[in-house]
Amino acid sequence: MIDKKNELHLHLKEVIKNAHDKLEHQPILLQLLGDVSIDEYANALAALHGVYAAVEKNIVNFLSNQSDLFDYQSRLKTLALEADLNELEKTPYISNIAFPIPKNVAELVGMIYVLEGSTMGGQFLLRKMSNTYPTRFFSGYGANTAQKWQEFWVFANSVCSVDQYDDVGDMAILLFGLIELHLQETTQHV
């Protein structure tokens, strides 16, 4: 029997697998797994900035009308990206993609899932990074990263019913696809 609190997580892992794998195999991200140069690293962060600046703004805008729903302010990563880029003397890339604004809580959960999952993935990348590169962004929440991931799931499970799982997954898949498109466009200009 599946634990009720893991149903949504298991559902999302299944439905987003292909979209996640496609995104994960984008060259600008794949290079982070190897012996990445400082320029390649800076380009990857500059590209990711275009995503985070837009998506976090949309999340915050949605939550501004529902301030008690979820504390996303403590999770914002755009400032960490900007600090890393500033240290690298790299200008962020602007995205031409119209990232969606969530229309309901299920879509909000789908969007946050993508960004919070990326934060967990950043922990993996952080262990592979040169310790000479600025890593505020990939450091996530430091020692609190796993706890913040669990807190996200407590929130997600408290606001999403089973009949909303597909809406959560649809938004996550859409966001993965738009991020992939943004990274492809960005790579053409690097």
Protein backbone atom coordinates (compact mmCIF):
# COMPACT_ATOMS: atom_id res chain seq x y z
CA MET A 1 0.00 0.00 0.00
CA ILE A 2 1.31 3.46 -0.97
CA ASP A 3 1.62 5.97 1.84
CA LYS A 4 -0.92 8.76 1.17
CA LYS A 5 1.71 11.45 1.67
CA ASN A 6 3.84 9.96 -1.14
CA GLU A 7 1.08 9.50 -3.75
CA LEU A 8 1.55 12.89 -5.40
CA HIS A 9 5.33 12.56 -5.41
CA LEU A 10 5.17 9.12 -7.01
CA HIS A 11 2.60 10.31 -9.54
CA LEU A 12 4.78 13.25 -10.55
CA LYS A 13 7.94 11.18 -10.84
CA GLU A 14 6.12 8.92 -13.28
CA VAL A 15 4.38 11.53 -15.43
CA ILE A 16 7.28 13.97 -15.72
CA LYS A 17 10.01 11.39 -16.34
CA ASN A 18 10.33 11.99 -20.10
CA ALA A 19 10.18 15.78 -19.83
CA HIS A 20 12.68 15.74 -16.98
CA ASP A 21 15.08 13.46 -18.87
CA LYS A 22 14.92 15.65 -21.99
CA LEU A 23 15.71 18.75 -19.95
CA GLU A 24 18.45 17.05 -17.99
CA HIS A 25 20.19 16.13 -21.27
CA GLN A 26 20.45 19.67 -22.57
CA PRO A 27 24.13 20.26 -23.42
CA ILE A 28 24.39 23.41 -21.30
CA LEU A 29 23.32 21.37 -18.25
CA LEU A 30 25.12 18.14 -19.14
CA GLN A 31 28.46 19.92 -19.18
CA LEU A 32 28.02 20.69 -15.48
CA LEU A 33 28.50 16.98 -14.77
CA GLY A 34 32.02 16.99 -16.16
CA ASP A 35 35.13 19.06 -16.01
CA VAL A 36 33.40 22.36 -16.72
CA SER A 37 35.36 25.48 -17.57
CA ILE A 38 34.64 28.74 -15.78
CA ASP A 39 33.12 30.14 -19.00
CA GLU A 40 30.84 27.12 -19.46
CA TYR A 41 29.81 27.38 -15.82
CA ALA A 42 29.08 31.10 -16.15
CA ASN A 43 27.06 30.49 -19.34
CA ALA A 44 24.97 27.82 -17.61
CA LEU A 45 24.22 30.13 -14.68
CA ALA A 46 23.41 33.02 -17.03
CA ALA A 47 20.95 30.77 -18.87
CA LEU A 48 19.35 29.50 -15.66
CA HIS A 49 18.91 33.08 -14.49
CA GLY A 50 16.49 33.71 -17.36
CA VAL A 51 14.34 30.86 -16.09
CA TYR A 52 14.44 31.63 -12.38
CA ALA A 53 13.90 35.38 -12.74
CA ALA A 54 10.73 34.83 -14.77
CA VAL A 55 9.29 31.79 -13.00
CA GLU A 56 9.95 33.04 -9.48
CA LYS A 57 8.36 36.37 -10.35
CA ASN A 58 5.24 34.52 -11.56
CA ILE A 59 5.11 32.38 -8.42
CA VAL A 60 5.48 35.41 -6.16
CA ASN A 61 2.80 37.30 -8.14
CA PHE A 62 0.37 34.40 -7.70
CA LEU A 63 1.13 34.15 -3.99
CA SER A 64 0.77 37.90 -3.44
CA ASN A 65 -2.99 37.36 -3.54
CA GLN A 66 -2.75 34.41 -1.14
CA SER A 67 -0.04 35.42 1.29
CA ASP A 68 -0.80 32.74 3.86
CA LEU A 69 -0.74 29.86 1.37
CA PHE A 70 3.02 29.20 1.12
CA ASP A 71 6.22 31.03 2.04
CA TYR A 72 8.12 31.16 -1.21
CA GLN A 73 10.09 34.30 -0.33
CA SER A 74 12.54 32.24 1.73
CA ARG A 75 13.11 30.00 -1.31
CA LEU A 76 13.93 32.61 -3.95
CA LYS A 77 17.10 31.68 -5.82
CA THR A 78 17.39 34.54 -8.30
CA LEU A 79 19.46 36.60 -5.86
CA ALA A 80 21.91 33.71 -5.37
CA LEU A 81 22.22 33.37 -9.14
CA GLU A 82 22.82 37.10 -9.48
CA ALA A 83 25.50 37.02 -6.79
CA ASP A 84 27.28 34.12 -8.52
CA LEU A 85 27.01 35.85 -11.91
CA ASN A 86 28.30 39.10 -10.44
CA GLU A 87 31.32 37.30 -9.01
CA LEU A 88 31.89 35.68 -12.40
CA GLU A 89 31.42 39.06 -14.12
CA LYS A 90 28.78 37.49 -16.36
CA THR A 91 25.59 39.19 -17.54
CA PRO A 92 22.43 37.10 -17.11
CA TYR A 93 20.58 35.99 -20.23
CA ILE A 94 17.07 37.32 -20.62
CA SER A 95 14.43 34.80 -21.57
CA ASN A 96 12.12 35.37 -24.53
CA ILE A 97 9.86 32.60 -23.26
CA ALA A 98 6.48 33.52 -21.81
CA PHE A 99 6.62 31.39 -18.67
CA PRO A 100 3.13 30.80 -17.28
CA ILE A 101 1.60 32.37 -14.23
CA PRO A 102 -0.18 29.69 -12.19
CA LYS A 103 -3.96 29.98 -12.38
CA ASN A 104 -4.64 27.76 -9.38
CA VAL A 105 -2.94 25.98 -6.52
CA ALA A 106 -2.33 22.77 -8.51
CA GLU A 107 -0.42 24.72 -11.16
CA LEU A 108 1.50 26.53 -8.42
CA VAL A 109 2.54 23.18 -6.94
CA GLY A 110 3.64 21.98 -10.38
CA MET A 111 5.83 25.05 -10.86
CA ILE A 112 7.35 24.92 -7.40
CA TYR A 113 7.98 21.19 -7.82
CA VAL A 114 10.19 21.87 -10.84
CA LEU A 115 12.22 24.57 -9.08
CA GLU A 116 12.51 22.73 -5.78
CA GLY A 117 13.47 19.52 -7.59
CA SER A 118 16.16 21.51 -9.35
CA THR A 119 17.43 22.64 -5.97
CA MET A 120 17.76 19.00 -4.94
CA GLY A 121 19.60 18.29 -8.20
CA GLY A 122 21.86 21.23 -7.45
CA GLN A 123 23.07 19.39 -4.37
CA PHE A 124 24.28 16.57 -6.62
CA LEU A 125 26.00 19.02 -8.97
CA LEU A 126 27.56 20.89 -6.07
CA ARG A 127 29.53 17.78 -5.10
CA LYS A 128 30.98 17.66 -8.63
CA MET A 129 31.86 21.36 -8.89
CA SER A 130 35.24 22.96 -8.61
CA ASN A 131 35.48 24.57 -5.21
CA THR A 132 36.91 27.65 -6.91
CA TYR A 133 33.58 28.57 -8.56
CA PRO A 134 30.90 30.57 -6.78
CA THR A 135 28.15 28.13 -5.81
CA ARG A 136 25.53 30.11 -3.91
CA PHE A 137 22.85 29.01 -6.39
CA PHE A 138 23.73 25.31 -6.35
CA SER A 139 24.09 25.36 -2.57
CA GLY A 140 20.32 25.72 -2.35
CA TYR A 141 19.39 26.08 1.29
CA GLY A 142 22.65 24.63 2.56
CA ALA A 143 22.17 22.18 5.39
CA ASN A 144 18.40 22.84 5.26
CA THR A 145 17.88 21.73 1.65
CA ALA A 146 16.45 18.28 2.44
CA GLN A 147 14.22 19.77 5.13
CA LYS A 148 12.89 22.42 2.71
CA TRP A 149 12.15 19.64 0.18
CA GLN A 150 10.12 17.81 2.82
CA GLU A 151 8.32 21.02 3.78
CA PHE A 152 7.38 21.50 0.13
CA TRP A 153 5.83 18.02 0.09
CA VAL A 154 3.88 18.69 3.27
CA PHE A 155 2.48 21.80 1.58
CA ALA A 156 1.81 20.06 -1.76
CA ASN A 157 0.00 17.16 -0.10
CA SER A 158 -2.06 19.50 2.06
CA VAL A 159 -3.40 21.56 -0.87
CA CYS A 160 -3.73 19.01 -3.69
CA SER A 161 -6.39 16.37 -3.88
CA VAL A 162 -5.99 13.28 -6.06
CA ASP A 163 -8.19 14.83 -8.75
CA GLN A 164 -5.64 17.68 -9.08
CA TYR A 165 -2.59 15.45 -9.59
CA ASP A 166 -2.88 15.59 -13.37
CA ASP A 167 -3.03 19.41 -13.28
CA VAL A 168 0.13 19.47 -11.15
CA GLY A 169 1.86 17.12 -13.58
CA ASP A 170 0.68 19.04 -16.64
CA MET A 171 2.16 22.28 -15.30
CA ALA A 172 5.43 20.57 -14.38
CA ILE A 173 5.68 19.05 -17.87
CA LEU A 174 4.88 22.40 -19.48
CA LEU A 175 7.51 24.15 -17.37
CA PHE A 176 10.15 21.51 -18.12
CA GLY A 177 9.43 21.97 -21.84
CA LEU A 178 9.65 25.75 -21.67
CA ILE A 179 12.91 25.59 -19.74
CA GLU A 180 14.27 23.19 -22.35
CA LEU A 181 13.24 25.61 -25.11
CA HIS A 182 14.85 28.53 -23.27
CA LEU A 183 18.11 26.60 -22.84
CA GLN A 184 18.13 25.63 -26.51
CA GLU A 185 17.63 29.26 -27.53
CA THR A 186 20.28 30.43 -25.10
CA THR A 187 22.80 27.84 -26.31
CA GLN A 188 22.48 29.21 -29.84
CA HIS A 189 23.68 32.62 -28.61
CA VAL A 190 26.59 31.47 -26.44
